Amino acid sequence: MYLIIKEIKLSNTSIYNVASFTDNLDKASDMLQGYNLIEKEENVVYSIVRYEQPLKLNTLKVEREVANG
């Protein structure tokens, strides 16, 4: 998956937002070009990030026996 990230550069930090996403790299490149063409503010930058979902592990349910004492 490809994310289109919008970065708003502030004086001491930046704010990041996901502007859009797609599974197609060509489409992501077209979207990036479009965002850059319509953006008028100097402190806003768009970029493409490839996102891969992390490995999902199955969680095991562990039951504890409580000893009656």
Protein backbone atom coordinates (compact mmCIF):
# COMPACT_ATOMS: atom_id res chain seq x y z
CA MET A 1 0.00 0.00 0.00
CA TYR A 2 1.20 3.50 -0.80
CA LEU A 3 0.31 6.45 1.40
CA ILE A 4 0.29 10.07 0.26
CA ILE A 5 1.59 11.99 3.27
CA LYS A 6 0.92 15.70 3.75
CA GLU A 7 3.58 17.44 5.83
CA ILE A 8 2.85 20.88 7.23
CA LYS A 9 6.12 22.47 8.29
CA LEU A 10 5.82 24.76 11.30
CA SER A 11 8.52 26.82 12.99
CA ASN A 12 9.76 24.11 15.39
CA THR A 13 7.96 20.98 14.25
CA SER A 14 5.93 19.35 11.51
CA ILE A 15 2.42 17.91 11.35
CA TYR A 16 1.84 14.80 9.23
CA ASN A 17 -1.48 13.61 7.80
CA VAL A 18 -2.43 10.82 5.42
CA ALA A 19 -3.97 12.64 2.46
CA SER A 20 -4.79 9.52 0.43
CA PHE A 21 -3.77 5.91 -0.23
CA THR A 22 -3.74 3.27 -2.97
CA ASP A 23 -2.24 -0.12 -3.79
CA ASN A 24 -1.09 1.07 -7.23
CA LEU A 25 2.27 2.88 -7.45
CA ASP A 26 1.39 4.59 -10.76
CA LYS A 27 -1.84 5.92 -9.29
CA ALA A 28 0.02 7.09 -6.17
CA SER A 29 2.50 8.98 -8.37
CA ASP A 30 -0.37 10.63 -10.26
CA MET A 31 -2.07 11.60 -7.01
CA LEU A 32 1.18 13.03 -5.64
CA GLN A 33 1.62 15.12 -8.77
CA GLY A 34 -1.96 16.39 -8.46
CA TYR A 35 -1.58 17.33 -4.80
CA ASN A 36 1.66 19.18 -5.57
CA LEU A 37 0.02 21.06 -8.47
CA ILE A 38 -2.93 22.33 -6.43
CA GLU A 39 -1.04 23.11 -3.22
CA LYS A 40 -0.30 26.84 -2.91
CA GLU A 41 1.21 27.07 0.56
CA GLU A 42 5.01 27.07 0.77
CA ASN A 43 5.11 25.19 4.09
CA VAL A 44 3.18 22.12 2.80
CA VAL A 45 4.97 19.16 1.21
CA TYR A 46 3.50 15.89 -0.09
CA SER A 47 5.36 12.59 -0.38
CA ILE A 48 4.74 8.90 -1.07
CA VAL A 49 5.45 6.31 1.59
CA ARG A 50 5.25 2.57 0.99
CA TYR A 51 3.41 0.97 3.89
CA GLU A 52 3.55 -2.72 4.65
CA GLN A 53 1.36 -4.11 7.35
CA PRO A 54 3.29 -5.54 10.28
CA LEU A 55 3.45 -9.25 10.93
CA LYS A 56 0.34 -10.34 12.80
CA LEU A 57 0.88 -12.91 15.50
CA ASN A 58 -1.90 -15.02 16.89
CA THR A 59 -2.46 -14.33 20.53
CA LEU A 60 -2.84 -17.34 22.77
CA LYS A 61 -5.42 -17.25 25.48
CA VAL A 62 -3.79 -18.39 28.66
CA GLU A 63 -6.04 -19.57 31.40
CA ARG A 64 -4.84 -19.49 34.96
CA GLU A 65 -6.01 -21.88 37.56
CA VAL A 66 -6.72 -20.21 40.79
CA ALA A 67 -5.98 -22.50 43.68
CA ASN A 68 -8.63 -22.54 46.35
CA GLY A 69 -6.84 -22.07 49.58
